PDB file of N, CA and C in Angstrom:
ATOM      1  N   MET A   1    -139.531  44.515  83.232  1.00  0.00           N
ATOM      2  CA  MET A   1    -139.440  45.424  84.214  1.00  0.00           C
ATOM      3  C   MET A   1    -139.809  46.783  83.727  1.00  0.00           C
ATOM      4  N   LYS A   2    -140.166  47.559  85.028  1.00  0.00           N
ATOM      5  CA  LYS A   2    -140.250  49.097  84.589  1.00  0.00           C
ATOM      6  C   LYS A   2    -139.373  49.769  84.919  1.00  0.00           C
ATOM      7  N   GLY A   3    -139.044  50.862  84.163  1.00  0.00           N
ATOM      8  CA  GLY A   3    -138.176  51.855  84.508  1.00  0.00           C
ATOM      9  C   GLY A   3    -138.238  53.158  83.824  1.00  0.00           C
ATOM     10  N   LYS A   4    -137.377  54.130  84.108  1.00  0.00           N
ATOM     11  CA  LYS A   4    -137.566  55.286  83.696  1.00  0.00           C
ATOM     12  C   LYS A   4    -136.455  55.868  82.708  1.00  0.00           C
ATOM     13  N   VAL A   5    -136.887  56.494  81.651  1.00  0.00           N
ATOM     14  CA  VAL A   5    -135.792  56.923  80.616  1.00  0.00           C
ATOM     15  C   VAL A   5    -135.152  58.162  81.408  1.00  0.00           C
ATOM     16  N   THR A   6    -133.653  57.997  81.500  1.00  0.00           N
ATOM     17  CA  THR A   6    -132.836  59.108  81.911  1.00  0.00           C
ATOM     18  C   THR A   6    -131.927  60.024  81.111  1.00  0.00           C
ATOM     19  N   GLY A   7    -131.852  59.362  80.028  1.00  0.00           N
ATOM     20  CA  GLY A   7    -131.161  59.807  78.937  1.00  0.00           C
ATOM     21  C   GLY A   7    -131.386  59.423  77.416  1.00  0.00           C
ATOM     22  N   ILE A   8    -131.237  60.049  76.433  1.00  0.00           N
ATOM     23  CA  ILE A   8    -131.174  59.612  75.144  1.00  0.00           C
ATOM     24  C   ILE A   8    -129.705  60.118  74.296  1.00  0.00           C
ATOM     25  N   GLN A   9    -129.454  59.044  73.485  1.00  0.00           N
ATOM     26  CA  GLN A   9    -128.508  59.296  72.499  1.00  0.00           C
ATOM     27  C   GLN A   9    -128.857  58.850  70.939  1.00  0.00           C
ATOM     28  N   PRO A  10    -128.052  59.127  70.063  1.00  0.00           N
ATOM     29  CA  PRO A  10    -128.400  58.613  68.925  1.00  0.00           C
ATOM     30  C   PRO A  10    -128.521  56.954  68.574  1.00  0.00           C
ATOM     31  N   TYR A  11    -127.774  56.522  69.573  1.00  0.00           N
ATOM     32  CA  TYR A  11    -127.546  55.021  69.446  1.00  0.00           C
ATOM     33  C   TYR A  11    -128.842  54.350  70.306  1.00  0.00           C
ATOM     34  N   GLY A  12    -129.420  54.989  71.362  1.00  0.00           N
ATOM     35  CA  GLY A  12    -130.176  54.256  72.142  1.00  0.00           C
ATOM     36  C   GLY A  12    -130.686  55.269  73.311  1.00  0.00           C
ATOM     37  N   ALA A  13    -131.607  54.648  74.196  1.00  0.00           N
ATOM     38  CA  ALA A  13    -132.131  55.114  75.562  1.00  0.00           C
ATOM     39  C   ALA A  13    -131.430  54.540  76.608  1.00  0.00           C
ATOM     40  N   PHE A  14    -131.189  55.469  77.686  1.00  0.00           N
ATOM     41  CA  PHE A  14    -130.677  54.964  79.024  1.00  0.00           C
ATOM     42  C   PHE A  14    -131.817  54.982  79.850  1.00  0.00           C
ATOM     43  N   VAL A  15    -131.716  53.691  80.540  1.00  0.00           N
ATOM     44  CA  VAL A  15    -133.445  53.671  81.579  1.00  0.00           C
ATOM     45  C   VAL A  15    -132.759  53.369  82.947  1.00  0.00           C
ATOM     46  N   GLN A  16    -133.183  53.826  83.941  1.00  0.00           N
ATOM     47  CA  GLN A  16    -133.008  53.518  85.453  1.00  0.00           C
ATOM     48  C   GLN A  16    -134.260  52.570  85.822  1.00  0.00           C
ATOM     49  N   LEU A  17    -133.865  51.153  86.008  1.00  0.00           N
ATOM     50  CA  LEU A  17    -134.830  50.396  86.392  1.00  0.00           C
ATOM     51  C   LEU A  17    -135.036  50.632  87.454  1.00  0.00           C
ATOM     52  N   GLU A  18    -136.271  49.909  88.047  1.00  0.00           N
ATOM     53  CA  GLU A  18    -136.411  49.794  89.667  1.00  0.00           C
ATOM     54  C   GLU A  18    -135.752  48.916  90.099  1.00  0.00           C
ATOM     55  N   GLY A  19    -135.098  49.378  91.229  1.00  0.00           N
ATOM     56  CA  GLY A  19    -134.001  48.613  92.042  1.00  0.00           C
ATOM     57  C   GLY A  19    -132.562  49.037  91.707  1.00  0.00           C
ATOM     58  N   GLY A  20    -132.555  50.215  90.886  1.00  0.00           N
ATOM     59  CA  GLY A  20    -131.329  50.963  90.644  1.00  0.00           C
ATOM     60  C   GLY A  20    -130.450  50.632  89.464  1.00  0.00           C
ATOM     61  N   THR A  21    -130.653  49.718  88.946  1.00  0.00           N
ATOM     62  CA  THR A  21    -129.762  48.859  87.892  1.00  0.00           C
ATOM     63  C   THR A  21    -130.273  50.140  86.682  1.00  0.00           C
ATOM     64  N   GLN A  22    -128.934  50.334  85.936  1.00  0.00           N
ATOM     65  CA  GLN A  22    -128.963  51.233  84.913  1.00  0.00           C
ATOM     66  C   GLN A  22    -128.860  49.950  83.584  1.00  0.00           C
ATOM     67  N   GLY A  23    -129.537  50.843  82.542  1.00  0.00           N
ATOM     68  CA  GLY A  23    -129.519  49.866  81.293  1.00  0.00           C
ATOM     69  C   GLY A  23    -129.835  50.753  80.070  1.00  0.00           C
ATOM     70  N   LEU A  24    -129.344  50.222  78.900  1.00  0.00           N
ATOM     71  CA  LEU A  24    -129.657  50.820  77.617  1.00  0.00           C
ATOM     72  C   LEU A  24    -130.444  49.966  76.721  1.00  0.00           C
ATOM     73  N   ILE A  25    -131.445  50.797  76.048  1.00  0.00           N
ATOM     74  CA  ILE A  25    -132.384  50.236  75.104  1.00  0.00           C
ATOM     75  C   ILE A  25    -131.463  50.655  73.862  1.00  0.00           C
ATOM     76  N   HIS A  26    -130.914  49.646  73.092  1.00  0.00           N
ATOM     77  CA  HIS A  26    -130.087  49.947  71.844  1.00  0.00           C
ATOM     78  C   HIS A  26    -131.407  50.603  70.783  1.00  0.00           C
ATOM     79  N   ILE A  27    -130.786  51.184  70.218  1.00  0.00           N
ATOM     80  CA  ILE A  27    -131.850  51.406  69.072  1.00  0.00           C
ATOM     81  C   ILE A  27    -132.397  50.360  68.225  1.00  0.00           C
ATOM     82  N   SER A  28    -131.418  49.453  67.862  1.00  0.00           N
ATOM     83  CA  SER A  28    -132.065  48.204  67.220  1.00  0.00           C
ATOM     84  C   SER A  28    -133.184  47.719  68.005  1.00  0.00           C
ATOM     85  N   GLU A  29    -133.492  47.896  69.489  1.00  0.00           N
ATOM     86  CA  GLU A  29    -134.138  47.181  70.274  1.00  0.00           C
ATOM     87  C   GLU A  29    -135.364  48.329  70.668  1.00  0.00           C
ATOM     88  N   ILE A  30    -135.424  49.207  69.823  1.00  0.00           N
ATOM     89  CA  ILE A  30    -136.659  49.931  70.239  1.00  0.00           C
ATOM     90  C   ILE A  30    -138.076  49.577  69.543  1.00  0.00           C
ATOM     91  N   SER A  31    -137.797  49.325  68.304  1.00  0.00           N
ATOM     92  CA  SER A  31    -138.855  48.814  67.445  1.00  0.00           C
ATOM     93  C   SER A  31    -138.778  47.721  66.295  1.00  0.00           C
ATOM     94  N   HIS A  32    -139.427  47.095  66.026  1.00  0.00           N
ATOM     95  CA  HIS A  32    -139.506  46.225  64.755  1.00  0.00           C
ATOM     96  C   HIS A  32    -139.054  46.812  63.553  1.00  0.00           C
ATOM     97  N   GLN A  33    -139.532  48.188  63.627  1.00  0.00           N
ATOM     98  CA  GLN A  33    -139.708  48.907  62.439  1.00  0.00           C
ATOM     99  C   GLN A  33    -138.315  49.677  62.298  1.00  0.00           C
ATOM    100  N   PHE A  34    -137.864  50.141  61.121  1.00  0.00           N
ATOM    101  CA  PHE A  34    -136.806  50.985  61.274  1.00  0.00           C
ATOM    102  C   PHE A  34    -136.797  52.480  62.097  1.00  0.00           C
ATOM    103  N   VAL A  35    -135.936  52.626  62.746  1.00  0.00           N
ATOM    104  CA  VAL A  35    -135.895  53.750  63.843  1.00  0.00           C
ATOM    105  C   VAL A  35    -134.891  54.591  63.213  1.00  0.00           C
ATOM    106  N   LYS A  36    -135.386  55.671  62.948  1.00  0.00           N
ATOM    107  CA  LYS A  36    -134.527  56.844  62.487  1.00  0.00           C
ATOM    108  C   LYS A  36    -133.887  57.707  63.894  1.00  0.00           C
ATOM    109  N   ASP A  37    -134.672  58.117  64.294  1.00  0.00           N
ATOM    110  CA  ASP A  37    -134.539  58.750  65.825  1.00  0.00           C
ATOM    111  C   ASP A  37    -135.094  58.057  66.808  1.00  0.00           C
ATOM    112  N   VAL A  38    -134.673  57.837  68.056  1.00  0.00           N
ATOM    113  CA  VAL A  38    -134.814  57.148  69.143  1.00  0.00           C
ATOM    114  C   VAL A  38    -136.006  58.228  69.904  1.00  0.00           C
ATOM    115  N   ARG A  39    -135.918  59.418  69.544  1.00  0.00           N
ATOM    116  CA  ARG A  39    -136.877  60.473  70.346  1.00  0.00           C
ATOM    117  C   ARG A  39    -138.070  60.537  69.616  1.00  0.00           C
ATOM    118  N   ASP A  40    -138.084  59.774  68.526  1.00  0.00           N
ATOM    119  CA  ASP A  40    -139.703  59.564  67.929  1.00  0.00           C
ATOM    120  C   ASP A  40    -140.699  58.289  68.959  1.00  0.00           C
ATOM    121  N   TYR A  41    -139.715  57.775  69.491  1.00  0.00           N
ATOM    122  CA  TYR A  41    -140.242  56.855  70.514  1.00  0.00           C
ATOM    123  C   TYR A  41    -140.508  57.093  72.070  1.00  0.00           C
ATOM    124  N   VAL A  42    -139.236  57.539  72.403  1.00  0.00           N
ATOM    125  CA  VAL A  42    -139.240  57.471  74.110  1.00  0.00           C
ATOM    126  C   VAL A  42    -138.801  59.150  74.093  1.00  0.00           C
ATOM    127  N   SER A  43    -139.105  59.596  75.240  1.00  0.00           N
ATOM    128  CA  SER A  43    -138.351  61.028  75.850  1.00  0.00           C
ATOM    129  C   SER A  43    -138.041  60.593  77.168  1.00  0.00           C
ATOM    130  N   VAL A  44    -136.960  61.813  77.701  1.00  0.00           N
ATOM    131  CA  VAL A  44    -136.639  61.359  78.992  1.00  0.00           C
ATOM    132  C   VAL A  44    -137.935  61.863  80.056  1.00  0.00           C
ATOM    133  N   GLY A  45    -137.785  60.954  81.057  1.00  0.00           N
ATOM    134  CA  GLY A  45    -138.860  61.048  82.001  1.00  0.00           C
ATOM    135  C   GLY A  45    -140.038  60.222  81.761  1.00  0.00           C
ATOM    136  N   ASP A  46    -139.880  59.586  80.624  1.00  0.00           N
ATOM    137  CA  ASP A  46    -140.962  58.416  80.147  1.00  0.00           C
ATOM    138  C   ASP A  46    -140.694  57.292  81.265  1.00  0.00           C
ATOM    139  N   GLU A  47    -141.884  56.723  81.475  1.00  0.00           N
ATOM    140  CA  GLU A  47    -142.036  55.467  82.282  1.00  0.00           C
ATOM    141  C   GLU A  47    -142.091  54.320  81.216  1.00  0.00           C
ATOM    142  N   VAL A  48    -141.346  53.405  81.056  1.00  0.00           N
ATOM    143  CA  VAL A  48    -141.418  52.285  80.282  1.00  0.00           C
ATOM    144  C   VAL A  48    -141.411  50.912  80.824  1.00  0.00           C
ATOM    145  N   THR A  49    -141.816  50.160  79.808  1.00  0.00           N
ATOM    146  CA  THR A  49    -141.853  48.727  80.335  1.00  0.00           C
ATOM    147  C   THR A  49    -140.746  47.937  79.478  1.00  0.00           C
ATOM    148  N   VAL A  50    -139.852  47.369  79.694  1.00  0.00           N
ATOM    149  CA  VAL A  50    -138.818  46.534  79.071  1.00  0.00           C
ATOM    150  C   VAL A  50    -138.453  45.001  79.327  1.00  0.00           C
ATOM    151  N   LYS A  51    -137.893  44.567  78.478  1.00  0.00           N
ATOM    152  CA  LYS A  51    -137.683  43.192  78.931  1.00  0.00           C
ATOM    153  C   LYS A  51    -135.744  43.294  78.980  1.00  0.00           C
ATOM    154  N   VAL A  52    -135.388  42.841  80.222  1.00  0.00           N
ATOM    155  CA  VAL A  52    -133.952  42.583  80.187  1.00  0.00           C
ATOM    156  C   VAL A  52    -133.473  41.469  79.254  1.00  0.00           C
ATOM    157  N   LEU A  53    -132.579  42.064  78.503  1.00  0.00           N
ATOM    158  CA  LEU A  53    -131.918  40.832  77.447  1.00  0.00           C
ATOM    159  C   LEU A  53    -130.651  40.086  78.142  1.00  0.00           C
ATOM    160  N   ASP A  54    -130.008  41.225  79.078  1.00  0.00           N
ATOM    161  CA  ASP A  54    -128.719  40.327  79.254  1.00  0.00           C
ATOM    162  C   ASP A  54    -128.246  41.683  80.467  1.00  0.00           C
ATOM    163  N   VAL A  55    -127.635  41.129  81.399  1.00  0.00           N
ATOM    164  CA  VAL A  55    -126.865  42.092  82.707  1.00  0.00           C
ATOM    165  C   VAL A  55    -125.289  41.690  82.455  1.00  0.00           C
ATOM    166  N   ASP A  56    -124.701  42.840  82.270  1.00  0.00           N
ATOM    167  CA  ASP A  56    -123.063  42.550  82.323  1.00  0.00           C
ATOM    168  C   ASP A  56    -122.853  42.427  83.825  1.00  0.00           C
ATOM    169  N   GLY A  57    -122.111  41.306  83.996  1.00  0.00           N
ATOM    170  CA  GLY A  57    -121.566  40.736  85.306  1.00  0.00           C
ATOM    171  C   GLY A  57    -120.579  41.705  85.879  1.00  0.00           C
ATOM    172  N   LYS A  58    -119.717  42.326  85.391  1.00  0.00           N
ATOM    173  CA  LYS A  58    -118.779  43.367  85.699  1.00  0.00           C
ATOM    174  C   LYS A  58    -119.151  44.685  86.160  1.00  0.00           C
ATOM    175  N   THR A  59    -119.977  45.112  85.284  1.00  0.00           N
ATOM    176  CA  THR A  59    -120.258  46.566  85.235  1.00  0.00           C
ATOM    177  C   THR A  59    -121.817  46.671  85.891  1.00  0.00           C
ATOM    178  N   GLY A  60    -122.551  45.512  85.664  1.00  0.00           N
ATOM    179  CA  GLY A  60    -123.862  45.373  86.420  1.00  0.00           C
ATOM    180  C   GLY A  60    -124.999  46.434  85.570  1.00  0.00           C
ATOM    181  N   ARG A  61    -124.572  46.436  84.295  1.00  0.00           N
ATOM    182  CA  ARG A  61    -125.311  47.408  83.458  1.00  0.00           C
ATOM    183  C   ARG A  61    -126.244  46.335  82.668  1.00  0.00           C
ATOM    184  N   ALA A  62    -127.398  46.752  82.358  1.00  0.00           N
ATOM    185  CA  ALA A  62    -128.704  45.938  81.718  1.00  0.00           C
ATOM    186  C   ALA A  62    -128.649  46.358  80.305  1.00  0.00           C
ATOM    187  N   SER A  63    -128.822  45.202  79.411  1.00  0.00           N
ATOM    188  CA  SER A  63    -129.318  45.491  77.871  1.00  0.00           C
ATOM    189  C   SER A  63    -130.929  45.279  77.995  1.00  0.00           C
ATOM    190  N   LEU A  64    -131.388  46.487  77.425  1.00  0.00           N
ATOM    191  CA  LEU A  64    -132.832  46.175  77.379  1.00  0.00           C
ATOM    192  C   LEU A  64    -133.683  45.990  76.000  1.00  0.00           C
ATOM    193  N   SER A  65    -134.932  45.850  76.168  1.00  0.00           N
ATOM    194  CA  SER A  65    -135.537  45.812  74.822  1.00  0.00           C
ATOM    195  C   SER A  65    -136.868  46.246  75.015  1.00  0.00           C
ATOM    196  N   LEU A  66    -137.582  47.229  73.985  1.00  0.00           N
ATOM    197  CA  LEU A  66    -138.832  47.709  73.909  1.00  0.00           C
ATOM    198  C   LEU A  66    -139.744  46.419  73.097  1.00  0.00           C
ATOM    199  N   LYS A  67    -138.748  46.556  72.073  1.00  0.00           N
ATOM    200  CA  LYS A  67    -139.430  45.612  70.829  1.00  0.00           C
ATOM    201  C   LYS A  67    -140.022  44.050  71.180  1.00  0.00           C
ATOM    202  N   ALA A  68    -138.891  43.580  72.047  1.00  0.00           N
ATOM    203  CA  ALA A  68    -139.258  42.211  72.638  1.00  0.00           C
ATOM    204  C   ALA A  68    -140.735  42.137  73.363  1.00  0.00           C
ATOM    205  N   LEU A  69    -141.269  43.233  73.565  1.00  0.00           N
ATOM    206  CA  LEU A  69    -142.482  42.990  74.338  1.00  0.00           C
ATOM    207  C   LEU A  69    -143.620  43.542  73.427  1.00  0.00           C
ATOM    208  N   GLU A  70    -143.325  43.671  72.150  1.00  0.00           N
ATOM    209  CA  GLU A  70    -144.543  43.929  71.110  1.00  0.00           C
ATOM    210  C   GLU A  70    -144.624  42.998  69.880  1.00  0.00           C
ATOM    211  N   PRO A  71    -145.765  42.566  69.460  1.00  0.00           N
ATOM    212  CA  PRO A  71    -145.683  41.570  68.287  1.00  0.00           C
ATOM    213  C   PRO A  71    -145.063  41.949  67.152  1.00  0.00           C
ATOM    214  N   ASN A  72    -144.353  41.332  66.487  1.00  0.00           N
ATOM    215  CA  ASN A  72    -143.673  41.805  65.237  1.00  0.00           C
ATOM    216  C   ASN A  72    -144.647  41.342  64.184  1.00  0.00           C
ATOM    217  N   ARG A  73    -145.454  42.640  63.970  1.00  0.00           N
ATOM    218  CA  ARG A  73    -146.572  42.335  62.630  1.00  0.00           C
ATOM    219  C   ARG A  73    -146.042  41.735  61.404  1.00  0.00           C
ATOM    220  N   GLU A  74    -144.758  41.979  61.059  1.00  0.00           N
ATOM    221  CA  GLU A  74    -144.314  41.636  59.821  1.00  0.00           C
ATOM    222  C   GLU A  74    -144.243  39.951  59.849  1.00  0.00           C
ATOM    223  N   LYS A  75    -143.992  39.424  61.015  1.00  0.00           N
ATOM    224  CA  LYS A  75    -144.001  37.871  61.322  1.00  0.00           C
ATOM    225  C   LYS A  75    -145.458  37.510  61.221  1.00  0.00           C
ATOM    226  N   THR A  76    -146.164  38.311  61.752  1.00  0.00           N
ATOM    227  CA  THR A  76    -147.626  37.630  61.858  1.00  0.00           C
ATOM    228  C   THR A  76    -148.453  37.748  60.499  1.00  0.00           C
ATOM    229  N   LYS A  77    -148.040  38.168  59.499  1.00  0.00           N
ATOM    230  CA  LYS A  77    -148.568  38.429  58.323  1.00  0.00           C
ATOM    231  C   LYS A  77    -148.722  36.866  57.719  1.00  0.00           C
ATOM    232  N   ARG A  78    -149.553  36.808  57.109  1.00  0.00           N
ATOM    233  CA  ARG A  78    -150.174  35.716  56.484  1.00  0.00           C
ATOM    234  C   ARG A  78    -149.489  35.530  54.930  1.00  0.00           C
ATOM    235  N   HIS A  79    -149.036  34.425  54.609  1.00  0.00           N
ATOM    236  CA  HIS A  79    -148.327  34.342  53.276  1.00  0.00           C
ATOM    237  C   HIS A  79    -149.438  33.624  52.360  1.00  0.00           C
ATOM    238  N   VAL A  80    -149.566  34.018  51.234  1.00  0.00           N
ATOM    239  CA  VAL A  80    -150.468  33.331  50.275  1.00  0.00           C
ATOM    240  C   VAL A  80    -149.814  32.507  49.305  1.00  0.00           C
ATOM    241  N   ARG A  81    -150.072  31.350  49.048  1.00  0.00           N
ATOM    242  CA  ARG A  81    -149.182  30.653  48.204  1.00  0.00           C
ATOM    243  C   ARG A  81    -150.119  30.630  46.889  1.00  0.00           C
ATOM    244  N   ILE A  82    -149.507  30.748  45.486  1.00  0.00           N
ATOM    245  CA  ILE A  82    -150.155  30.754  44.455  1.00  0.00           C
ATOM    246  C   ILE A  82    -149.675  29.519  43.606  1.00  0.00           C
ATOM    247  N   LYS A  83    -150.568  28.339  43.374  1.00  0.00           N
ATOM    248  CA  LYS A  83    -149.995  27.369  42.871  1.00  0.00           C
ATOM    249  C   LYS A  83    -149.882  27.604  41.216  1.00  0.00           C
ATOM    250  N   MET A  84    -149.008  27.334  40.701  1.00  0.00           N
ATOM    251  CA  MET A  84    -148.664  27.392  39.316  1.00  0.00           C
ATOM    252  C   MET A  84    -148.413  26.382  38.525  1.00  0.00           C
ATOM    253  N   PRO A  85    -148.582  25.845  37.275  1.00  0.00           N
ATOM    254  CA  PRO A  85    -148.467  24.892  36.825  1.00  0.00           C
ATOM    255  C   PRO A  85    -146.794  24.595  36.697  1.00  0.00           C
ATOM    256  N   LEU A  86    -146.210  23.363  36.853  1.00  0.00           N
ATOM    257  CA  LEU A  86    -145.071  23.076  36.638  1.00  0.00           C
ATOM    258  C   LEU A  86    -144.192  23.408  35.546  1.00  0.00           C
ATOM    259  N   GLY A  87    -143.012  24.177  35.610  1.00  0.00           N
ATOM    260  CA  GLY A  87    -142.357  24.609  34.540  1.00  0.00           C
ATOM    261  C   GLY A  87    -142.828  25.984  33.881  1.00  0.00           C
ATOM    262  N   SER A  88    -144.243  26.592  34.605  1.00  0.00           N
ATOM    263  CA  SER A  88    -144.363  27.931  34.134  1.00  0.00           C
ATOM    264  C   SER A  88    -143.486  28.879  34.258  1.00  0.00           C
ATOM    265  N   GLY A  89    -142.879  29.040  35.618  1.00  0.00           N
ATOM    266  CA  GLY A  89    -141.807  30.081  35.976  1.00  0.00           C
ATOM    267  C   GLY A  89    -142.080  31.372  35.406  1.00  0.00           C
ATOM    268  N   PHE A  90    -141.000  32.032  34.898  1.00  0.00           N
ATOM    269  CA  PHE A  90    -141.271  33.293  34.213  1.00  0.00           C
ATOM    270  C   PHE A  90    -141.096  33.329  32.768  1.00  0.00           C
ATOM    271  N   ARG A  91    -141.742  32.264  32.202  1.00  0.00           N
ATOM    272  CA  ARG A  91    -141.654  32.041  30.734  1.00  0.00           C
ATOM    273  C   ARG A  91    -142.906  33.006  30.211  1.00  0.00           C
ATOM    274  N   PRO A  92    -144.206  33.119  30.723  1.00  0.00           N
ATOM    275  CA  PRO A  92    -144.946  33.858  30.244  1.00  0.00           C
ATOM    276  C   PRO A  92    -144.429  35.453  30.208  1.00  0.00           C
ATOM    277  N   LEU A  93    -143.876  35.959  31.600  1.00  0.00           N
ATOM    278  CA  LEU A  93    -143.392  37.070  31.379  1.00  0.00           C
ATOM    279  C   LEU A  93    -142.322  37.295  30.226  1.00  0.00           C
ATOM    280  N   LYS A  94    -141.381  36.359  29.897  1.00  0.00           N
ATOM    281  CA  LYS A  94    -140.503  36.512  28.889  1.00  0.00           C
ATOM    282  C   LYS A  94    -141.091  36.640  27.481  1.00  0.00           C
ATOM    283  N   GLU A  95    -142.290  35.784  27.396  1.00  0.00           N
ATOM    284  CA  GLU A  95    -142.989  35.891  25.942  1.00  0.00           C
ATOM    285  C   GLU A  95    -143.822  37.184  25.942  1.00  0.00           C
ATOM    286  N   LYS A  96    -144.193  37.752  26.851  1.00  0.00           N
ATOM    287  CA  LYS A  96    -144.812  39.147  26.798  1.00  0.00           C
ATOM    288  C   LYS A  96    -143.785  40.477  26.695  1.00  0.00           C
ATOM    289  N   LEU A  97    -142.466  40.154  27.081  1.00  0.00           N
ATOM    290  CA  LEU A  97    -141.896  41.259  27.133  1.00  0.00           C
ATOM    291  C   LEU A  97    -141.796  41.992  25.847  1.00  0.00           C
ATOM    292  N   ARG A  98    -141.289  41.235  24.711  1.00  0.00           N
ATOM    293  CA  ARG A  98    -141.239  41.665  23.281  1.00  0.00           C
ATOM    294  C   ARG A  98    -142.486  42.315  22.989  1.00  0.00           C
ATOM    295  N   GLU A  99    -143.853  41.990  23.259  1.00  0.00           N
ATOM    296  CA  GLU A  99    -145.010  42.614  22.936  1.00  0.00           C
ATOM    297  C   GLU A  99    -144.926  44.136  23.674  1.00  0.00           C
ATOM    298  N   TRP A 100    -144.425  43.977  25.119  1.00  0.00           N
ATOM    299  CA  TRP A 100    -144.497  45.298  25.691  1.00  0.00           C
ATOM    300  C   TRP A 100    -143.470  46.269  25.196  1.00  0.00           C
ATOM    301  N   ILE A 101    -142.433  45.925  24.771  1.00  0.00           N
ATOM    302  CA  ILE A 101    -141.371  46.686  24.270  1.00  0.00           C
ATOM    303  C   ILE A 101    -142.092  47.298  23.049  1.00  0.00           C
ATOM    304  N   GLU A 102    -142.718  46.579  22.298  1.00  0.00           N
ATOM    305  CA  GLU A 102    -143.046  47.053  21.009  1.00  0.00           C
ATOM    306  C   GLU A 102    -144.293  48.185  21.227  1.00  0.00           C
ATOM    307  N   GLN A 103    -145.223  47.741  22.252  1.00  0.00           N
ATOM    308  CA  GLN A 103    -146.146  48.877  22.438  1.00  0.00           C
ATOM    309  C   GLN A 103    -145.473  49.976  23.059  1.00  0.00           C
ATOM    310  N   SER A 104    -144.708  50.111  23.891  1.00  0.00           N
ATOM    311  CA  SER A 104    -143.872  51.055  24.344  1.00  0.00           C
ATOM    312  C   SER A 104    -143.403  51.950  23.494  1.00  0.00           C
ATOM    313  N   LYS A 105    -142.703  51.318  22.151  1.00  0.00           N
ATOM    314  CA  LYS A 105    -142.297  52.254  21.292  1.00  0.00           C
ATOM    315  C   LYS A 105    -143.323  52.930  20.524  1.00  0.00           C
ATOM    316  N   ARG A 106    -144.330  52.405  20.277  1.00  0.00           N
ATOM    317  CA  ARG A 106    -145.721  52.787  19.474  1.00  0.00           C
ATOM    318  C   ARG A 106    -146.087  53.981  20.089  1.00  0.00           C
ATOM    319  N   GLU A 107    -146.269  53.861  21.549  1.00  0.00           N
ATOM    320  CA  GLU A 107    -146.687  54.928  22.142  1.00  0.00           C
ATOM    321  C   GLU A 107    -145.948  56.287  22.334  1.00  0.00           C
ATOM    322  N   GLU A 108    -144.525  56.035  22.257  1.00  0.00           N
ATOM    323  CA  GLU A 108    -143.642  57.082  22.503  1.00  0.00           C
ATOM    324  C   GLU A 108    -143.687  57.815  20.998  1.00  0.00           C
ATOM    325  N   GLY A 109    -143.808  57.116  19.977  1.00  0.00           N
ATOM    326  CA  GLY A 109    -143.798  57.730  18.628  1.00  0.00           C
ATOM    327  C   GLY A 109    -142.289  57.865  18.117  1.00  0.00           C
ATOM    328  N   PRO A 110    -142.363  58.574  16.969  1.00  0.00           N
ATOM    329  CA  PRO A 110    -140.911  58.309  16.337  1.00  0.00           C
ATOM    330  C   PRO A 110    -139.849  59.422  17.059  1.00  0.00           C
ATOM    331  N   LYS A 111    -138.744  59.111  17.091  1.00  0.00           N
ATOM    332  CA  LYS A 111    -137.655  59.960  18.000  1.00  0.00           C
ATOM    333  C   LYS A 111    -137.086  60.859  16.781  1.00  0.00           C
ATOM    334  N   PRO A 112    -137.074  62.176  17.177  1.00  0.00           N
ATOM    335  CA  PRO A 112    -136.624  63.368  16.433  1.00  0.00           C
ATOM    336  C   PRO A 112    -135.014  62.942  16.023  1.00  0.00           C
TER     337      PRO A 112
END
């Protein structure tokens, strides 16, 4: 649905939907990414397209979402699987750890 941002609070943005229904886009529904400040995403007077998540039957107020209409780039990332020989696990790192510690000590030099 389309609506107009009528107010902003630290916890979200208030929207007047077409037809007169009031709604709130909670800060958690602004973006798939971390939102520190709602004002970084919307301003009072902005025309927005939102998804209605729920409508409270008693108050008639709607819970809205901006992020539901945008693809989640995190979920669409491809995962690459690396095939490792059975039993290899972290053993190669463990075997190298002592060598790296000794190398680090040599690079630091003697302690006063």
